[in-house]
Amino acid sequence: MSPKSAESAHAAGAAEAAAGRPATTLSRAAGANIVSSSHLVSVRSPELSEFEFGLNTAYNAYSRWVVRCMGAAGVRDLTFLDVLVLHHVNHRGRPKRLADICFVLNVEDTHLVTYALKKLQGLGLVSGERVGKEATYSTTEAGAEACSRYREIREQCLTSNFTAGSEENAEIGELARLMRVLTGLYEQAARSATSL
């Protein structure tokens, strides 16, 4: 298919989506976007729908990986958020406040992080200490060891697929930058939606 006909086919598919009809099935070479919800595809940015589909599938794969890696490290029955909280509390070996943990992990519902911290304390992985009116949290020796084992398994099962200094790593770095930009756009859109 020529570039011009591919462009026409892509435009036709976008027009159908804008009219509320499912986009015509096109080959990837013709510029069709891989999406899970064709009714959300916008003419302004069909690529955003493709990104969202990729984000959904990547999130689910990533959350499974995180939980299973921690299970392989010897700590089972933790949720995805529990593991993220444990790793962040362990980050740089400095005590963390609840507000800081929520801010870094971009979790709006503080009760979810509070519950995770209580669960981690109950498992002896995290300890809490009162400093003035606020509590700070640190990993215990067992918590730090769990994070260290997780890292070993991550190196063995995941990062062994990458080569230092490769073009692929540069692309991942660029993807991370774009995701930070898109996070800001989604945050702004969420604020706008609450005022409608």
C-alpha atoms as a PDB file:
ATOM      1  CA  MET A   1       0.000   0.000   0.000  1.00  0.00           C
ATOM      2  CA  SER A   2       1.380   3.453  -0.929  1.00  0.00           C
ATOM      3  CA  PRO A   3       1.922   6.106   1.768  1.00  0.00           C
ATOM      4  CA  LYS A   4      -0.912   8.176   0.263  1.00  0.00           C
ATOM      5  CA  SER A   5      -3.426   5.310   0.302  1.00  0.00           C
ATOM      6  CA  ALA A   6      -2.314   4.332   3.800  1.00  0.00           C
ATOM      7  CA  GLU A   7      -2.924   7.904   4.921  1.00  0.00           C
ATOM      8  CA  SER A   8      -6.388   7.869   3.281  1.00  0.00           C
ATOM      9  CA  ALA A   9      -7.264   4.549   4.918  1.00  0.00           C
ATOM     10  CA  HIS A  10      -6.118   5.837   8.302  1.00  0.00           C
ATOM     11  CA  ALA A  11      -8.183   9.030   7.884  1.00  0.00           C
ATOM     12  CA  ALA A  12     -11.241   6.953   6.909  1.00  0.00           C
ATOM     13  CA  GLY A  13     -10.856   4.797  10.004  1.00  0.00           C
ATOM     14  CA  ALA A  14     -10.510   7.867  12.218  1.00  0.00           C
ATOM     15  CA  ALA A  15     -13.611   9.416  10.613  1.00  0.00           C
ATOM     16  CA  GLU A  16     -15.623   6.261  11.303  1.00  0.00           C
ATOM     17  CA  ALA A  17     -14.484   6.313  14.924  1.00  0.00           C
ATOM     18  CA  ALA A  18     -15.450   9.998  15.218  1.00  0.00           C
ATOM     19  CA  ALA A  19     -18.895   9.184  13.811  1.00  0.00           C
ATOM     20  CA  GLY A  20     -19.410   6.641  16.564  1.00  0.00           C
ATOM     21  CA  ARG A  21     -18.827   3.620  14.344  1.00  0.00           C
ATOM     22  CA  PRO A  22     -16.036   1.122  14.992  1.00  0.00           C
ATOM     23  CA  ALA A  23     -12.928   1.982  13.011  1.00  0.00           C
ATOM     24  CA  THR A  24     -12.356  -0.132   9.906  1.00  0.00           C
ATOM     25  CA  THR A  25      -9.919  -2.954  10.549  1.00  0.00           C
ATOM     26  CA  LEU A  26      -6.666  -1.978   8.862  1.00  0.00           C
ATOM     27  CA  SER A  27      -3.288  -3.605   8.727  1.00  0.00           C
ATOM     28  CA  ARG A  28      -0.642  -2.171  11.046  1.00  0.00           C
ATOM     29  CA  ALA A  29       1.294  -0.982   7.999  1.00  0.00           C
ATOM     30  CA  ALA A  30      -1.735   1.062   6.941  1.00  0.00           C
ATOM     31  CA  GLY A  31      -1.463   3.136  10.125  1.00  0.00           C
ATOM     32  CA  ALA A  32      -4.206   1.466  12.149  1.00  0.00           C
ATOM     33  CA  ASN A  33      -3.896   1.868  15.873  1.00  0.00           C
ATOM     34  CA  ILE A  34      -4.083  -1.138  18.184  1.00  0.00           C
ATOM     35  CA  VAL A  35      -6.809  -0.256  20.679  1.00  0.00           C
ATOM     36  CA  SER A  36      -9.212  -1.976  23.056  1.00  0.00           C
ATOM     37  CA  SER A  37     -11.990   0.658  22.891  1.00  0.00           C
ATOM     38  CA  SER A  38     -12.516   1.888  19.328  1.00  0.00           C
ATOM     39  CA  HIS A  39     -15.372   4.143  20.463  1.00  0.00           C
ATOM     40  CA  LEU A  40     -12.841   6.291  22.378  1.00  0.00           C
ATOM     41  CA  VAL A  41     -10.488   6.848  19.439  1.00  0.00           C
ATOM     42  CA  SER A  42     -10.214  10.580  18.707  1.00  0.00           C
ATOM     43  CA  VAL A  43      -9.302  12.125  15.368  1.00  0.00           C
ATOM     44  CA  ARG A  44      -7.117  14.548  17.348  1.00  0.00           C
ATOM     45  CA  SER A  45      -4.922  11.745  18.659  1.00  0.00           C
ATOM     46  CA  PRO A  46      -5.732   8.139  17.748  1.00  0.00           C
ATOM     47  CA  GLU A  47      -2.233   7.361  19.054  1.00  0.00           C
ATOM     48  CA  LEU A  48      -3.398   8.277  22.581  1.00  0.00           C
ATOM     49  CA  SER A  49      -5.901   5.397  22.500  1.00  0.00           C
ATOM     50  CA  GLU A  50      -3.118   3.092  21.373  1.00  0.00           C
ATOM     51  CA  PHE A  51      -0.949   4.353  24.233  1.00  0.00           C
ATOM     52  CA  GLU A  52      -3.784   3.755  26.717  1.00  0.00           C
ATOM     53  CA  PHE A  53      -4.203   0.186  25.502  1.00  0.00           C
ATOM     54  CA  GLY A  54      -0.452  -0.355  25.816  1.00  0.00           C
ATOM     55  CA  LEU A  55      -0.505   1.241  29.264  1.00  0.00           C
ATOM     56  CA  ASN A  56      -3.339  -1.042  30.416  1.00  0.00           C
ATOM     57  CA  THR A  57      -1.624  -4.213  29.256  1.00  0.00           C
ATOM     58  CA  ALA A  58       1.781  -3.052  30.527  1.00  0.00           C
ATOM     59  CA  TYR A  59       0.290  -2.140  33.917  1.00  0.00           C
ATOM     60  CA  ASN A  60      -1.292  -5.575  34.299  1.00  0.00           C
ATOM     61  CA  ALA A  61       1.903  -7.359  33.237  1.00  0.00           C
ATOM     62  CA  TYR A  62       4.012  -5.141  35.492  1.00  0.00           C
ATOM     63  CA  SER A  63       1.777  -5.621  38.536  1.00  0.00           C
ATOM     64  CA  ARG A  64       1.835  -9.421  38.051  1.00  0.00           C
ATOM     65  CA  TRP A  65       5.627  -9.315  37.754  1.00  0.00           C
ATOM     66  CA  VAL A  66       6.071  -7.190  40.892  1.00  0.00           C
ATOM     67  CA  VAL A  67       3.889  -9.469  43.034  1.00  0.00           C
ATOM     68  CA  ARG A  68       5.455 -12.690  41.685  1.00  0.00           C
ATOM     69  CA  CYS A  69       8.987 -11.372  42.025  1.00  0.00           C
ATOM     70  CA  MET A  70       8.356 -10.486  45.679  1.00  0.00           C
ATOM     71  CA  GLY A  71       6.792 -13.932  46.148  1.00  0.00           C
ATOM     72  CA  ALA A  72       9.937 -15.511  44.701  1.00  0.00           C
ATOM     73  CA  ALA A  73      11.928 -13.361  47.132  1.00  0.00           C
ATOM     74  CA  GLY A  74      10.087 -15.142  49.947  1.00  0.00           C
ATOM     75  CA  VAL A  75       7.353 -12.620  50.793  1.00  0.00           C
ATOM     76  CA  ARG A  76       3.961 -13.783  49.597  1.00  0.00           C
ATOM     77  CA  ASP A  77       0.439 -12.403  49.909  1.00  0.00           C
ATOM     78  CA  LEU A  78       1.430  -8.810  49.183  1.00  0.00           C
ATOM     79  CA  THR A  79      -0.520  -6.705  46.712  1.00  0.00           C
ATOM     80  CA  PHE A  80       1.071  -4.621  43.985  1.00  0.00           C
ATOM     81  CA  LEU A  81       0.734  -1.461  46.104  1.00  0.00           C
ATOM     82  CA  ASP A  82       2.154  -3.223  49.190  1.00  0.00           C
ATOM     83  CA  VAL A  83       5.325  -4.057  47.234  1.00  0.00           C
ATOM     84  CA  LEU A  84       5.653  -0.523  45.836  1.00  0.00           C
ATOM     85  CA  VAL A  85       5.277   0.936  49.325  1.00  0.00           C
ATOM     86  CA  LEU A  86       7.882  -1.454  50.735  1.00  0.00           C
ATOM     87  CA  HIS A  87      10.395  -0.542  48.030  1.00  0.00           C
ATOM     88  CA  HIS A  88       9.831   3.181  48.483  1.00  0.00           C
ATOM     89  CA  VAL A  89      10.117   2.994  52.271  1.00  0.00           C
ATOM     90  CA  ASN A  90      13.431   1.168  51.705  1.00  0.00           C
ATOM     91  CA  HIS A  91      14.576   3.796  49.152  1.00  0.00           C
ATOM     92  CA  ARG A  92      17.939   5.302  50.176  1.00  0.00           C
ATOM     93  CA  GLY A  93      17.570   3.961  53.719  1.00  0.00           C
ATOM     94  CA  ARG A  94      15.827   7.104  54.985  1.00  0.00           C
ATOM     95  CA  PRO A  95      12.583   7.234  56.999  1.00  0.00           C
ATOM     96  CA  LYS A  96       9.523   8.320  55.016  1.00  0.00           C
ATOM     97  CA  ARG A  97       6.345  10.133  56.011  1.00  0.00           C
ATOM     98  CA  LEU A  98       2.927   8.943  54.786  1.00  0.00           C
ATOM     99  CA  ALA A  99       2.452  12.130  52.732  1.00  0.00           C
ATOM    100  CA  ASP A 100       5.831  11.646  51.039  1.00  0.00           C
ATOM    101  CA  ILE A 101       5.065   8.030  50.132  1.00  0.00           C
ATOM    102  CA  CYS A 102       1.694   9.013  48.647  1.00  0.00           C
ATOM    103  CA  PHE A 103       3.273  11.904  46.714  1.00  0.00           C
ATOM    104  CA  VAL A 104       6.087   9.861  45.167  1.00  0.00           C
ATOM    105  CA  LEU A 105       3.811   6.935  44.253  1.00  0.00           C
ATOM    106  CA  ASN A 106       1.090   9.366  43.048  1.00  0.00           C
ATOM    107  CA  VAL A 107      -1.560   7.739  45.262  1.00  0.00           C
ATOM    108  CA  GLU A 108      -4.420  10.093  46.094  1.00  0.00           C
ATOM    109  CA  ASP A 109      -6.212   7.773  48.550  1.00  0.00           C
ATOM    110  CA  THR A 110      -3.949   7.914  51.609  1.00  0.00           C
ATOM    111  CA  HIS A 111      -5.953   5.189  53.351  1.00  0.00           C
ATOM    112  CA  LEU A 112      -4.677   2.674  50.766  1.00  0.00           C
ATOM    113  CA  VAL A 113      -1.061   3.470  51.672  1.00  0.00           C
ATOM    114  CA  THR A 114      -1.924   3.528  55.384  1.00  0.00           C
ATOM    115  CA  TYR A 115      -3.393   0.031  55.038  1.00  0.00           C
ATOM    116  CA  ALA A 116      -0.305  -1.164  53.156  1.00  0.00           C
ATOM    117  CA  LEU A 117       1.984   0.244  55.862  1.00  0.00           C
ATOM    118  CA  LYS A 118      -0.016  -1.494  58.611  1.00  0.00           C
ATOM    119  CA  LYS A 119       0.143  -4.764  56.698  1.00  0.00           C
ATOM    120  CA  LEU A 120       3.910  -4.405  56.180  1.00  0.00           C
ATOM    121  CA  GLN A 121       4.366  -3.589  59.870  1.00  0.00           C
ATOM    122  CA  GLY A 122       2.339  -6.668  60.798  1.00  0.00           C
ATOM    123  CA  LEU A 123       4.696  -8.767  58.663  1.00  0.00           C
ATOM    124  CA  GLY A 124       7.731  -7.240  60.359  1.00  0.00           C
ATOM    125  CA  LEU A 125       8.987  -5.632  57.143  1.00  0.00           C
ATOM    126  CA  VAL A 126       8.415  -2.008  58.125  1.00  0.00           C
ATOM    127  CA  SER A 127       8.591  -0.177  61.441  1.00  0.00           C
ATOM    128  CA  GLY A 128       6.918   3.112  62.365  1.00  0.00           C
ATOM    129  CA  GLU A 129       8.220   5.824  64.638  1.00  0.00           C
ATOM    130  CA  ARG A 130       6.432   8.898  65.935  1.00  0.00           C
ATOM    131  CA  VAL A 131       8.308  12.161  65.278  1.00  0.00           C
ATOM    132  CA  GLY A 132       6.328  15.023  66.772  1.00  0.00           C
ATOM    133  CA  LYS A 133       2.819  14.810  65.356  1.00  0.00           C
ATOM    134  CA  GLU A 134       3.820  12.679  62.404  1.00  0.00           C
ATOM    135  CA  ALA A 135       4.867   9.086  61.982  1.00  0.00           C
ATOM    136  CA  THR A 136       7.809   8.060  59.832  1.00  0.00           C
ATOM    137  CA  TYR A 137       8.377   4.618  58.401  1.00  0.00           C
ATOM    138  CA  SER A 138      11.546   2.625  57.761  1.00  0.00           C
ATOM    139  CA  THR A 139      12.246  -0.904  56.609  1.00  0.00           C
ATOM    140  CA  THR A 140      13.310  -3.386  59.218  1.00  0.00           C
ATOM    141  CA  GLU A 141      16.249  -5.699  58.610  1.00  0.00           C
ATOM    142  CA  ALA A 142      13.786  -8.273  57.242  1.00  0.00           C
ATOM    143  CA  GLY A 143      12.235  -5.648  54.952  1.00  0.00           C
ATOM    144  CA  ALA A 144      15.620  -4.535  53.608  1.00  0.00           C
ATOM    145  CA  GLU A 145      16.586  -8.188  53.018  1.00  0.00           C
ATOM    146  CA  ALA A 146      13.340  -8.804  51.108  1.00  0.00           C
ATOM    147  CA  CYS A 147      14.092  -5.796  48.880  1.00  0.00           C
ATOM    148  CA  SER A 148      17.627  -7.073  48.324  1.00  0.00           C
ATOM    149  CA  ARG A 149      16.380 -10.550  47.323  1.00  0.00           C
ATOM    150  CA  TYR A 150      13.813  -8.917  45.028  1.00  0.00           C
ATOM    151  CA  ARG A 151      16.636  -7.017  43.319  1.00  0.00           C
ATOM    152  CA  GLU A 152      18.626 -10.221  42.793  1.00  0.00           C
ATOM    153  CA  ILE A 153      15.636 -11.951  41.198  1.00  0.00           C
ATOM    154  CA  ARG A 154      14.909  -8.845  39.097  1.00  0.00           C
ATOM    155  CA  GLU A 155      18.492  -8.888  37.808  1.00  0.00           C
ATOM    156  CA  GLN A 156      18.262 -12.597  37.020  1.00  0.00           C
ATOM    157  CA  CYS A 157      14.827 -12.711  35.404  1.00  0.00           C
ATOM    158  CA  LEU A 158      14.233  -9.259  33.954  1.00  0.00           C
ATOM    159  CA  THR A 159      17.220  -6.987  33.463  1.00  0.00           C
ATOM    160  CA  SER A 160      19.355  -9.829  32.096  1.00  0.00           C
ATOM    161  CA  ASN A 161      17.385  -9.228  28.875  1.00  0.00           C
ATOM    162  CA  PHE A 162      18.967  -5.788  28.448  1.00  0.00           C
ATOM    163  CA  THR A 163      22.427  -4.602  27.418  1.00  0.00           C
ATOM    164  CA  ALA A 164      24.001  -1.578  29.119  1.00  0.00           C
ATOM    165  CA  GLY A 165      24.239   1.438  26.823  1.00  0.00           C
ATOM    166  CA  SER A 166      22.024  -0.115  24.135  1.00  0.00           C
ATOM    167  CA  GLU A 167      19.687   1.800  21.835  1.00  0.00           C
ATOM    168  CA  GLU A 168      16.816  -0.092  23.465  1.00  0.00           C
ATOM    169  CA  ASN A 169      17.725   1.401  26.853  1.00  0.00           C
ATOM    170  CA  ALA A 170      17.837   4.890  25.296  1.00  0.00           C
ATOM    171  CA  GLU A 171      14.340   4.304  23.895  1.00  0.00           C
ATOM    172  CA  ILE A 172      13.109   3.176  27.324  1.00  0.00           C
ATOM    173  CA  GLY A 173      14.524   6.382  28.806  1.00  0.00           C
ATOM    174  CA  GLU A 174      12.657   8.445  26.199  1.00  0.00           C
ATOM    175  CA  LEU A 175       9.484   6.460  26.883  1.00  0.00           C
ATOM    176  CA  ALA A 176       9.841   7.213  30.612  1.00  0.00           C
ATOM    177  CA  ARG A 177      10.150  10.924  29.804  1.00  0.00           C
ATOM    178  CA  LEU A 178       7.034  10.848  27.625  1.00  0.00           C
ATOM    179  CA  MET A 179       5.125   8.985  30.335  1.00  0.00           C
ATOM    180  CA  ARG A 180       5.973  11.752  32.822  1.00  0.00           C
ATOM    181  CA  VAL A 181       4.625  14.310  30.332  1.00  0.00           C
ATOM    182  CA  LEU A 182       1.449  12.264  29.797  1.00  0.00           C
ATOM    183  CA  THR A 183       1.030  11.840  33.565  1.00  0.00           C
ATOM    184  CA  GLY A 184       0.855  15.629  33.848  1.00  0.00           C
ATOM    185  CA  LEU A 185      -1.730  15.787  31.053  1.00  0.00           C
ATOM    186  CA  TYR A 186      -3.887  13.105  32.691  1.00  0.00           C
ATOM    187  CA  GLU A 187      -3.628  14.892  36.070  1.00  0.00           C
ATOM    188  CA  GLN A 188      -4.744  18.156  34.478  1.00  0.00           C
ATOM    189  CA  ALA A 189      -7.602  16.396  32.660  1.00  0.00           C
ATOM    190  CA  ALA A 190      -8.705  14.714  35.907  1.00  0.00           C
ATOM    191  CA  ARG A 191      -8.868  18.110  37.642  1.00  0.00           C
ATOM    192  CA  SER A 192     -10.876  19.522  34.738  1.00  0.00           C
ATOM    193  CA  ALA A 193     -13.293  16.567  34.809  1.00  0.00           C
ATOM    194  CA  THR A 194     -14.085  17.125  38.500  1.00  0.00           C
ATOM    195  CA  SER A 195     -15.360  20.628  37.723  1.00  0.00           C
ATOM    196  CA  LEU A 196     -17.769  19.519  34.960  1.00  0.00           C
END
